[in-house]
Amino acid sequence: MFFRLFLFCCFVSFLLPSCSFLPFLREREDFVRVKGTRLMLNGKPYYFTGANMWYGCYIASSGETGDRPRLLRELDSLQANHIVNLRVLAGSEEGYIKRSVRPVIQRKPGEIDERLLQGLDFLLAEMAKRRMHAVLYLNNYWEWSGGMTQYNVWTGARPVDPDDTTQGWGAFMDFSASFYANAPAQKVFREYVQRIITRTNSCNGRKYSEDPTIMAWQLANEPRPGRVGVSSEKNLPDFYNWIDQTAHFIHSLDTNHLVSSGSEGTIGTLQSSAFFLKSHKTPHIDYLTFHLWPLNWGWFDPKRIEETLPVTETKALDYIASHLALARQLDKPIVMEEFGLDRDGGEIRPGTPVTARDRYFRMILKAVHDSAQAGAPIAGCNFWGWGGEAAAKHPDGIWRIGDPFMCDPPHEPQGRNSIFIGDRSTIHILRESATKILRLSDGQTDNPPTGGK
């Protein structure tokens, strides 16, 4: 039977000499792929400027959090500015942490808020119409969307709260990292992963595993092996194994899409290049990621811009360069999928000055473009993040249930890192850079006119 099928294929190939391969034997090019140190799409290098919009399924929902007219306006605004790639939350769990998002996709193991998943369906369907791509992350090392700590608690572990002064952030980070060795928690997590990856979109009938709108599945937001220090090195074998085996599991469910880890880079691997390399050498991780957070890492103070911004710029460029070198060592593409900076003076309100941010964004985006143009293994970047039409409802910036969603998660001041629709100077910089980097996909390296603000 096999031999007759082989002869038939040869015969049809002979009759159709213009086709080098039969369609059903050809790898589809409308999915983002990896070739060497490049991402590829439709036979061309895929370069992009993107945004983080973790809350996409929330405002796309038909439920209490939904605002579909706003979502459509936001997507149109992003598309008009050539922001073509969105990093989106695809998993949130009912948490014991007070400052975590509500409502959630998964209230208890297997108990799902279908309206939020239908929101994800709607978001992906609308992105497809605009030829945008999504990176969907499935878990969270941090507390603000449930994540790893909640899987631990669901399977019998005693909660650790970072806001409890008797416990603190170090204990919380170690507790979150214990997830990697928690077999019952892994089982519950994988059941959720399988549910998402094998889902059929209720809006357009596409199976998620067959939807080219999805660029990649991502294991988690910023997975770490624990707090910085020798004590966390004991978690490394489980951390390495979790990345390798979870990525392998996803590929076993879905052969069309890429898989990435969601790592911050060396900062997220106990500040060690060796640990980053070892955790990402697995063939099941298709491309690398890194994040860049000057405020969180103690480089930048928005109240002392003149003093701290030059230092921040130097350290940021060094961090980018070091991760391009790591990508070359692993022979994989890399994406800077989070970067952001505060508004001047630490303000959170739309309309307040963003002179430091604009200067910083211009520098970062130029570094990404110039590196890509020179042949470095970087495919693009996603700024953090898109706030669009939203604004903080309260002077203290604290998010409360029912408030509009923006890029700043519930545990952070609302407006700290969001790019609002009225931030015209920042959006102009993003559009200008996005236009240039898109041209690299067509092999064009000259700088075209970019239009007005």
Protein backbone atom coordinates (compact mmCIF):
# COMPACT_ATOMS: atom_id res chain seq x y z
CA MET A 1 0.00 0.00 0.00
CA PHE A 2 2.77 2.41 0.92
CA PHE A 3 4.66 1.61 -2.29
CA ARG A 4 1.58 2.30 -4.44
CA LEU A 5 1.04 5.63 -2.63
CA PHE A 6 4.68 6.51 -3.26
CA LEU A 7 4.32 5.75 -7.00
CA PHE A 8 1.14 7.83 -7.13
CA CYS A 9 2.88 10.81 -5.55
CA CYS A 10 5.76 10.49 -8.01
CA PHE A 11 3.31 10.31 -10.91
CA VAL A 12 1.39 13.42 -9.80
CA SER A 13 4.67 15.26 -9.25
CA PHE A 14 5.66 14.40 -12.80
CA LEU A 15 2.36 15.79 -14.11
CA LEU A 16 2.79 18.97 -12.07
CA PRO A 17 6.45 19.92 -12.59
CA SER A 18 5.89 23.49 -11.40
CA CYS A 19 5.25 22.19 -7.87
CA SER A 20 8.42 21.17 -6.04
CA PHE A 21 6.37 19.45 -3.33
CA LEU A 22 2.82 18.28 -3.08
CA PRO A 23 0.69 20.64 -1.00
CA PHE A 24 -0.02 18.03 1.66
CA LEU A 25 3.70 17.35 2.03
CA ARG A 26 4.69 21.02 2.23
CA GLU A 27 5.21 22.80 5.54
CA ARG A 28 2.75 25.64 5.76
CA GLU A 29 4.48 28.99 5.52
CA ASP A 30 1.68 31.05 7.09
CA PHE A 31 2.86 29.97 10.55
CA VAL A 32 5.82 31.75 12.12
CA ARG A 33 8.76 29.35 11.93
CA VAL A 34 12.41 29.26 12.94
CA LYS A 35 15.25 29.00 10.46
CA GLY A 36 18.65 29.24 12.06
CA THR A 37 18.69 32.43 14.10
CA ARG A 38 15.72 33.99 12.33
CA LEU A 39 11.98 33.86 12.68
CA MET A 40 10.34 33.31 9.30
CA LEU A 41 6.87 34.00 7.93
CA ASN A 42 5.67 33.27 4.39
CA GLY A 43 9.20 32.54 3.28
CA LYS A 44 10.61 35.85 4.55
CA PRO A 45 12.34 36.89 7.79
CA TYR A 46 9.75 37.96 10.36
CA TYR A 47 10.76 41.20 12.09
CA PHE A 48 8.29 43.05 14.26
CA THR A 49 7.49 45.67 16.85
CA GLY A 50 4.86 44.46 19.30
CA ALA A 51 3.12 45.29 22.54
CA ASN A 52 2.20 43.56 25.75
CA MET A 53 -1.56 43.50 26.15
CA TRP A 54 -1.99 40.85 28.81
CA TYR A 55 -5.62 41.83 29.47
CA GLY A 56 -6.76 41.20 25.88
CA CYS A 57 -9.18 38.37 26.68
CA TYR A 58 -10.69 40.44 29.51
CA ILE A 59 -11.85 43.36 27.39
CA ALA A 60 -12.71 40.98 24.53
CA SER A 61 -15.08 39.04 26.80
CA SER A 62 -18.85 39.29 26.52
CA GLY A 63 -18.98 39.18 30.33
CA GLU A 64 -18.56 41.76 33.07
CA THR A 65 -15.03 42.77 32.09
CA GLY A 66 -15.77 43.11 28.41
CA ASP A 67 -15.64 46.17 26.20
CA ARG A 68 -15.47 44.88 22.66
CA PRO A 69 -15.92 48.28 21.00
CA ARG A 70 -12.86 49.47 22.94
CA LEU A 71 -10.92 46.35 21.94
CA LEU A 72 -11.63 46.92 18.26
CA ARG A 73 -10.52 50.55 18.54
CA GLU A 74 -7.35 49.47 20.37
CA LEU A 75 -6.49 46.87 17.72
CA ASP A 76 -7.11 49.40 14.96
CA SER A 77 -4.84 51.91 16.70
CA LEU A 78 -2.08 49.36 17.11
CA GLN A 79 -2.37 48.18 13.52
CA ALA A 80 -2.30 51.75 12.22
CA ASN A 81 1.00 52.23 14.03
CA HIS A 82 2.44 48.94 12.69
CA ILE A 83 2.35 47.24 16.10
CA VAL A 84 1.68 43.74 14.77
CA ASN A 85 2.49 41.33 17.60
CA LEU A 86 0.71 41.07 20.96
CA ARG A 87 1.81 39.15 24.05
CA VAL A 88 -1.35 38.07 25.86
CA LEU A 89 -2.28 36.21 29.03
CA ALA A 90 -3.96 32.85 28.32
CA GLY A 91 -4.18 31.56 31.88
CA SER A 92 -5.20 33.12 35.21
CA GLU A 93 -6.13 31.37 38.44
CA GLU A 94 -8.25 32.35 41.44
CA GLY A 95 -5.58 33.38 43.91
CA TYR A 96 -5.20 33.85 47.64
CA ILE A 97 -3.25 37.06 46.98
CA LYS A 98 -5.39 40.15 47.53
CA ARG A 99 -3.76 42.20 44.77
CA SER A 100 -4.32 39.68 41.99
CA VAL A 101 -6.60 40.04 39.01
CA ARG A 102 -10.32 39.30 39.29
CA PRO A 103 -12.17 37.56 37.74
CA VAL A 104 -10.01 34.67 36.53
CA ILE A 105 -10.11 32.12 33.75
CA GLN A 106 -9.74 29.14 36.11
CA ARG A 107 -11.58 29.45 39.42
CA LYS A 108 -10.64 25.95 40.59
CA PRO A 109 -8.90 23.10 38.79
CA GLY A 110 -11.00 22.46 35.72
CA GLU A 111 -13.62 25.10 36.62
CA ILE A 112 -13.40 27.59 33.76
CA ASP A 113 -14.93 31.00 33.08
CA GLU A 114 -15.96 30.29 29.51
CA ARG A 115 -16.74 33.96 28.86
CA LEU A 116 -13.08 34.87 29.29
CA LEU A 117 -11.97 32.10 26.97
CA GLN A 118 -14.55 33.26 24.46
CA GLY A 119 -12.90 36.65 24.90
CA LEU A 120 -9.61 35.05 23.90
CA ASP A 121 -11.42 33.54 20.91
CA PHE A 122 -12.74 36.96 19.91
CA LEU A 123 -9.36 38.60 20.34
CA LEU A 124 -7.61 36.02 18.14
CA ALA A 125 -10.33 36.23 15.50
CA GLU A 126 -10.02 40.02 15.32
CA MET A 127 -6.23 39.86 15.27
CA ALA A 128 -6.46 37.44 12.34
CA LYS A 129 -8.48 39.99 10.39
CA ARG A 130 -5.65 42.47 10.93
CA ARG A 131 -2.83 40.00 10.17
CA MET A 132 -1.44 40.36 13.67
CA HIS A 133 0.26 37.60 15.68
CA ALA A 134 -0.10 36.56 19.30
CA VAL A 135 2.20 35.06 21.89
CA LEU A 136 0.04 33.34 24.52
CA TYR A 137 1.57 32.71 27.93
CA LEU A 138 0.07 29.94 30.01
CA ASN A 139 1.29 30.50 33.58
CA ASN A 140 2.90 33.11 35.82
CA TYR A 141 5.80 32.92 38.25
CA TRP A 142 4.49 36.10 39.90
CA GLU A 143 1.47 36.52 42.13
CA TRP A 144 -0.78 38.88 40.21
CA SER A 145 -2.65 36.31 38.11
CA GLY A 146 -2.61 33.27 40.40
CA GLY A 147 0.03 31.28 38.59
CA MET A 148 2.49 28.79 39.99
CA THR A 149 1.82 29.54 43.64
CA GLN A 150 -1.88 28.93 43.15
CA TYR A 151 -1.23 25.56 41.54
CA ASN A 152 0.86 24.74 44.61
CA VAL A 153 -1.96 25.74 46.95
CA TRP A 154 -4.55 23.83 44.94
CA THR A 155 -2.50 20.68 45.44
CA GLY A 156 -2.05 21.01 49.19
CA ALA A 157 0.81 23.45 49.83
CA ARG A 158 0.57 26.11 52.52
CA PRO A 159 0.23 29.63 51.02
CA VAL A 160 3.08 32.14 51.16
CA ASP A 161 2.06 35.79 50.82
CA PRO A 162 4.71 38.34 49.76
CA ASP A 163 2.79 41.09 51.57
CA ASP A 164 3.02 39.20 54.86
CA THR A 165 5.99 40.77 56.67
CA THR A 166 6.72 37.46 58.41
CA GLN A 167 7.26 35.85 55.00
CA GLY A 168 8.17 38.44 52.36
CA TRP A 169 9.25 38.32 48.74
CA GLY A 170 12.18 35.95 49.14
CA ALA A 171 10.00 33.27 50.70
CA PHE A 172 7.33 33.86 48.05
CA MET A 173 9.83 33.46 45.20
CA ASP A 174 11.10 30.18 46.64
CA PHE A 175 7.52 28.98 47.12
CA SER A 176 6.70 29.80 43.50
CA ALA A 177 9.81 27.93 42.33
CA SER A 178 8.76 24.83 44.29
CA PHE A 179 6.11 24.40 41.57
CA TYR A 180 8.70 22.83 39.24
CA ALA A 181 9.09 19.79 41.50
CA ASN A 182 5.43 19.55 42.51
CA ALA A 183 4.09 16.60 40.50
CA PRO A 184 0.38 17.04 41.44
CA ALA A 185 0.57 20.74 40.53
CA GLN A 186 2.19 19.85 37.22
CA LYS A 187 -0.66 17.49 36.46
CA VAL A 188 -3.31 20.16 37.05
CA PHE A 189 -1.33 22.68 35.00
CA ARG A 190 -0.92 20.28 32.08
CA GLU A 191 -4.62 19.54 32.07
CA TYR A 192 -5.24 23.26 31.64
CA VAL A 193 -2.56 23.58 28.95
CA GLN A 194 -4.10 20.73 26.99
CA ARG A 195 -7.53 22.31 27.31
CA ILE A 196 -6.28 25.58 25.81
CA ILE A 197 -4.12 24.16 23.04
CA THR A 198 -6.81 21.76 21.82
CA ARG A 199 -9.55 24.42 22.01
CA THR A 200 -11.64 25.38 18.98
CA ASN A 201 -12.27 29.09 18.53
CA SER A 202 -15.98 29.80 19.04
CA CYS A 203 -15.82 32.85 16.74
CA ASN A 204 -14.20 31.47 13.59
CA GLY A 205 -14.18 27.69 14.09
CA ARG A 206 -10.40 27.40 13.95
CA LYS A 207 -8.63 24.99 16.22
CA TYR A 208 -6.06 26.88 18.25
CA SER A 209 -3.43 24.34 17.22
CA GLU A 210 -4.15 25.16 13.56
CA ASP A 211 -4.45 28.95 13.84
CA PRO A 212 -1.53 30.83 12.25
CA THR A 213 -2.54 33.95 14.20
CA ILE A 214 -0.80 32.36 17.18
CA MET A 215 2.95 32.80 16.85
CA ALA A 216 3.93 30.89 19.98
CA TRP A 217 2.90 29.25 23.19
CA GLN A 218 4.85 30.50 26.17
CA LEU A 219 5.40 28.41 29.28
CA ALA A 220 4.98 31.24 31.76
CA ASN A 221 5.50 34.89 32.47
CA GLU A 222 9.05 35.26 33.82
CA PRO A 223 9.73 31.78 35.24
CA ARG A 224 12.62 31.84 37.73
CA PRO A 225 14.34 29.11 39.78
CA GLY A 226 13.84 31.17 42.94
CA ARG A 227 15.36 34.15 44.68
CA VAL A 228 18.91 35.17 43.80
CA GLY A 229 21.38 33.26 45.93
CA VAL A 230 23.12 29.95 46.34
CA SER A 231 20.08 28.49 48.11
CA SER A 232 18.08 28.58 44.86
CA GLU A 233 20.68 26.64 42.89
CA LYS A 234 19.18 23.46 44.32
CA ASN A 235 16.07 24.22 42.26
CA LEU A 236 17.97 24.36 38.98
CA PRO A 237 17.66 20.67 37.98
CA ASP A 238 13.88 20.82 38.42
CA PHE A 239 13.76 24.19 36.66
CA TYR A 240 15.69 22.86 33.67
CA ASN A 241 13.56 19.73 33.53
CA TRP A 242 10.31 21.70 33.75
CA ILE A 243 11.26 23.93 30.82
CA ASP A 244 12.35 20.98 28.70
CA GLN A 245 9.45 18.65 29.52
CA THR A 246 6.69 21.27 29.41
CA ALA A 247 7.90 22.54 26.04
CA HIS A 248 8.05 18.95 24.81
CA PHE A 249 4.50 18.34 26.07
CA ILE A 250 3.20 21.40 24.20
CA HIS A 251 4.91 20.30 20.99
CA SER A 252 3.33 16.88 21.38
CA LEU A 253 -0.09 18.57 21.30
CA ASP A 254 0.68 21.11 18.62
CA THR A 255 3.25 20.69 15.86
CA ASN A 256 2.48 23.99 14.16
CA HIS A 257 3.47 26.57 16.73
CA LEU A 258 6.68 27.74 18.34
CA VAL A 259 7.35 27.43 22.06
CA SER A 260 9.29 29.91 24.22
CA SER A 261 9.94 30.05 27.95
CA GLY A 262 9.03 33.65 28.84
CA SER A 263 12.36 34.18 30.61
CA GLU A 264 13.68 37.60 31.61
CA GLY A 265 17.15 36.46 30.57
CA THR A 266 20.08 36.22 32.94
CA ILE A 267 18.25 38.31 35.57
CA GLY A 268 15.66 35.54 35.65
CA THR A 269 18.21 32.75 35.95
CA LEU A 270 19.99 33.78 39.15
CA GLN A 271 21.97 36.41 37.19
CA SER A 272 23.96 33.67 35.49
CA SER A 273 24.67 33.32 31.77
CA ALA A 274 25.57 29.67 32.33
CA PHE A 275 22.20 28.94 33.94
CA PHE A 276 20.35 30.77 31.15
CA LEU A 277 22.21 28.80 28.49
CA LYS A 278 21.61 25.47 30.18
CA SER A 279 17.90 26.12 30.71
CA HIS A 280 17.39 27.01 27.03
CA LYS A 281 19.61 24.55 25.19
CA THR A 282 16.72 22.09 24.91
CA PRO A 283 15.54 21.61 21.30
CA HIS A 284 11.96 22.00 22.50
CA ILE A 285 12.47 25.75 23.10
CA ASP A 286 12.38 27.32 19.64
CA TYR A 287 13.46 30.86 20.39
CA LEU A 288 14.78 32.86 23.35
CA THR A 289 13.32 35.78 25.27
CA PHE A 290 14.59 38.47 27.60
CA HIS A 291 13.07 41.41 29.47
CA LEU A 292 14.46 44.79 30.50
CA TRP A 293 13.25 46.56 33.67
CA PRO A 294 15.48 49.44 34.86
CA LEU A 295 13.19 50.56 37.72
CA ASN A 296 12.65 47.07 39.14
CA TRP A 297 16.35 46.30 38.91
CA GLY A 298 17.42 49.48 40.70
CA TRP A 299 18.98 51.29 37.75
CA PHE A 300 16.47 54.08 37.23
CA ASP A 301 14.72 56.59 39.49
CA PRO A 302 12.02 58.68 37.74
CA LYS A 303 12.52 61.39 40.35
CA ARG A 304 16.26 61.61 39.54
CA ILE A 305 16.23 61.38 35.75
CA GLU A 306 19.35 63.42 35.00
CA GLU A 307 21.39 61.29 37.38
CA THR A 308 20.02 57.82 36.63
CA LEU A 309 18.94 57.81 32.97
CA PRO A 310 22.47 57.82 31.47
CA VAL A 311 23.45 54.89 33.70
CA THR A 312 20.25 53.13 32.72
CA GLU A 313 20.99 53.58 29.01
CA THR A 314 24.47 52.12 29.34
CA LYS A 315 23.30 49.12 31.35
CA ALA A 316 20.36 48.51 29.00
CA LEU A 317 22.56 48.42 25.91
CA ASP A 318 24.98 46.09 27.69
CA TYR A 319 22.09 43.79 28.67
CA ILE A 320 20.85 43.68 25.08
CA ALA A 321 24.32 42.97 23.72
CA SER A 322 24.96 40.19 26.23
CA HIS A 323 21.73 38.42 25.26
CA LEU A 324 22.44 38.68 21.56
CA ALA A 325 25.72 36.93 22.33
CA LEU A 326 23.89 34.20 24.26
CA ALA A 327 21.49 33.73 21.34
CA ARG A 328 24.46 33.26 19.02
CA GLN A 329 25.87 30.62 21.36
CA LEU A 330 22.60 28.70 21.29
CA ASP A 331 22.06 29.41 17.58
CA LYS A 332 18.47 30.53 18.20
CA PRO A 333 16.49 33.72 17.54
CA ILE A 334 15.75 36.01 20.46
CA VAL A 335 12.98 38.52 21.23
CA MET A 336 13.06 41.34 23.78
CA GLU A 337 9.44 40.82 24.78
CA GLU A 338 9.19 43.27 27.69
CA PHE A 339 10.72 46.70 28.15
CA GLY A 340 9.35 49.83 29.74
CA LEU A 341 10.13 52.97 31.68
CA ASP A 342 8.21 55.19 34.11
CA ARG A 343 6.69 58.53 33.30
CA ASP A 344 8.65 61.57 34.49
CA GLY A 345 8.56 61.98 38.25
CA GLY A 346 6.80 58.65 38.70
CA GLU A 347 3.47 60.08 37.53
CA ILE A 348 0.70 57.73 36.44
CA ARG A 349 -1.86 60.05 34.84
CA PRO A 350 -2.34 60.30 31.06
CA GLY A 351 -0.98 63.56 29.71
CA THR A 352 1.91 63.85 32.18
CA PRO A 353 5.42 64.21 30.69
CA VAL A 354 7.30 61.23 29.26
CA THR A 355 10.60 62.85 28.22
CA ALA A 356 12.77 60.18 29.83
CA ARG A 357 10.64 57.36 28.42
CA ASP A 358 10.74 58.81 24.91
CA ARG A 359 14.51 59.18 24.98
CA TYR A 360 14.88 55.64 26.34
CA PHE A 361 12.43 54.09 23.87
CA ARG A 362 14.13 55.77 20.93
CA MET A 363 17.47 54.34 22.04
CA ILE A 364 16.14 50.83 22.69
CA LEU A 365 14.20 50.62 19.43
CA LYS A 366 17.19 51.86 17.45
CA ALA A 367 19.39 49.23 19.08
CA VAL A 368 16.91 46.49 18.13
CA HIS A 369 16.55 47.71 14.54
CA ASP A 370 20.26 48.26 13.98
CA SER A 371 21.13 44.87 15.47
CA ALA A 372 18.57 43.11 13.27
CA GLN A 373 19.76 45.00 10.21
CA ALA A 374 23.33 43.95 10.94
CA GLY A 375 22.30 40.29 11.05
CA ALA A 376 22.12 39.77 14.81
CA PRO A 377 19.73 37.01 15.95
CA ILE A 378 17.06 39.40 17.25
CA ALA A 379 13.61 39.25 15.65
CA GLY A 380 11.92 42.15 17.39
CA CYS A 381 10.52 43.49 20.63
CA ASN A 382 7.29 43.98 22.57
CA PHE A 383 7.08 47.13 24.67
CA TRP A 384 5.28 47.04 28.03
CA GLY A 385 2.76 48.01 27.44
CA TRP A 386 -0.39 49.18 25.75
CA GLY A 387 -2.83 51.08 27.96
CA GLY A 388 -4.74 52.65 25.10
CA GLU A 389 -7.92 54.42 26.19
CA ALA A 390 -7.75 53.43 29.87
CA ALA A 391 -6.81 55.63 32.83
CA ALA A 392 -6.42 55.15 36.57
CA LYS A 393 -9.70 55.60 38.43
CA HIS A 394 -8.17 56.48 41.81
CA PRO A 395 -5.49 58.99 42.91
CA ASP A 396 -3.54 56.24 44.70
CA GLY A 397 -3.30 54.26 41.45
CA ILE A 398 -4.54 51.07 43.11
CA TRP A 399 -6.60 48.82 40.85
CA ARG A 400 -10.01 47.78 42.15
CA ILE A 401 -12.43 45.23 40.76
CA GLY A 402 -14.44 46.83 38.00
CA ASP A 403 -11.75 49.34 37.01
CA PRO A 404 -10.71 49.44 33.34
CA PHE A 405 -7.80 47.23 32.44
CA MET A 406 -4.51 48.63 31.23
CA CYS A 407 -1.05 47.19 30.92
CA ASP A 408 -0.09 47.74 34.54
CA PRO A 409 -1.15 44.59 36.43
CA PRO A 410 -3.24 44.92 39.61
CA HIS A 411 -0.32 44.93 42.03
CA GLU A 412 1.33 47.96 40.39
CA PRO A 413 0.25 51.62 40.19
CA GLN A 414 -2.17 51.92 37.29
CA GLY A 415 -0.48 54.02 34.62
CA ARG A 416 3.13 53.45 35.65
CA ASN A 417 4.23 51.72 32.46
CA SER A 418 1.20 52.00 30.19
CA ILE A 419 1.40 53.75 26.83
CA PHE A 420 -1.86 55.67 26.48
CA ILE A 421 -3.56 56.66 23.25
CA GLY A 422 -2.76 60.29 24.10
CA ASP A 423 1.00 59.68 24.44
CA ARG A 424 1.51 61.03 20.95
CA SER A 425 5.27 61.51 21.13
CA THR A 426 5.87 57.93 22.33
CA ILE A 427 3.49 56.49 19.73
CA HIS A 428 5.29 58.46 17.02
CA ILE A 429 8.60 56.93 18.10
CA LEU A 430 7.05 53.44 18.10
CA ARG A 431 5.49 53.93 14.68
CA GLU A 432 8.70 55.29 13.21
CA SER A 433 10.70 52.30 14.45
CA ALA A 434 8.01 49.75 13.60
CA THR A 435 7.89 51.02 10.01
CA LYS A 436 11.65 50.61 9.67
CA ILE A 437 11.87 47.14 11.15
CA LEU A 438 8.98 45.85 9.04
CA ARG A 439 10.93 46.86 5.96
CA LEU A 440 13.72 44.49 7.00
CA SER A 441 11.37 41.59 6.27
CA ASP A 442 11.47 42.65 2.62
CA GLY A 443 15.22 43.19 2.63
CA GLN A 444 14.92 46.97 2.57
CA THR A 445 17.40 48.85 4.72
CA ASP A 446 16.80 52.46 3.76
CA ASN A 447 14.83 54.72 6.06
CA PRO A 448 11.47 55.70 4.52
CA PRO A 449 9.36 58.72 5.47
CA THR A 450 7.33 57.88 8.55
CA GLY A 451 4.59 60.50 8.48
CA GLY A 452 3.43 62.76 11.24
CA LYS A 453 2.43 62.13 14.79
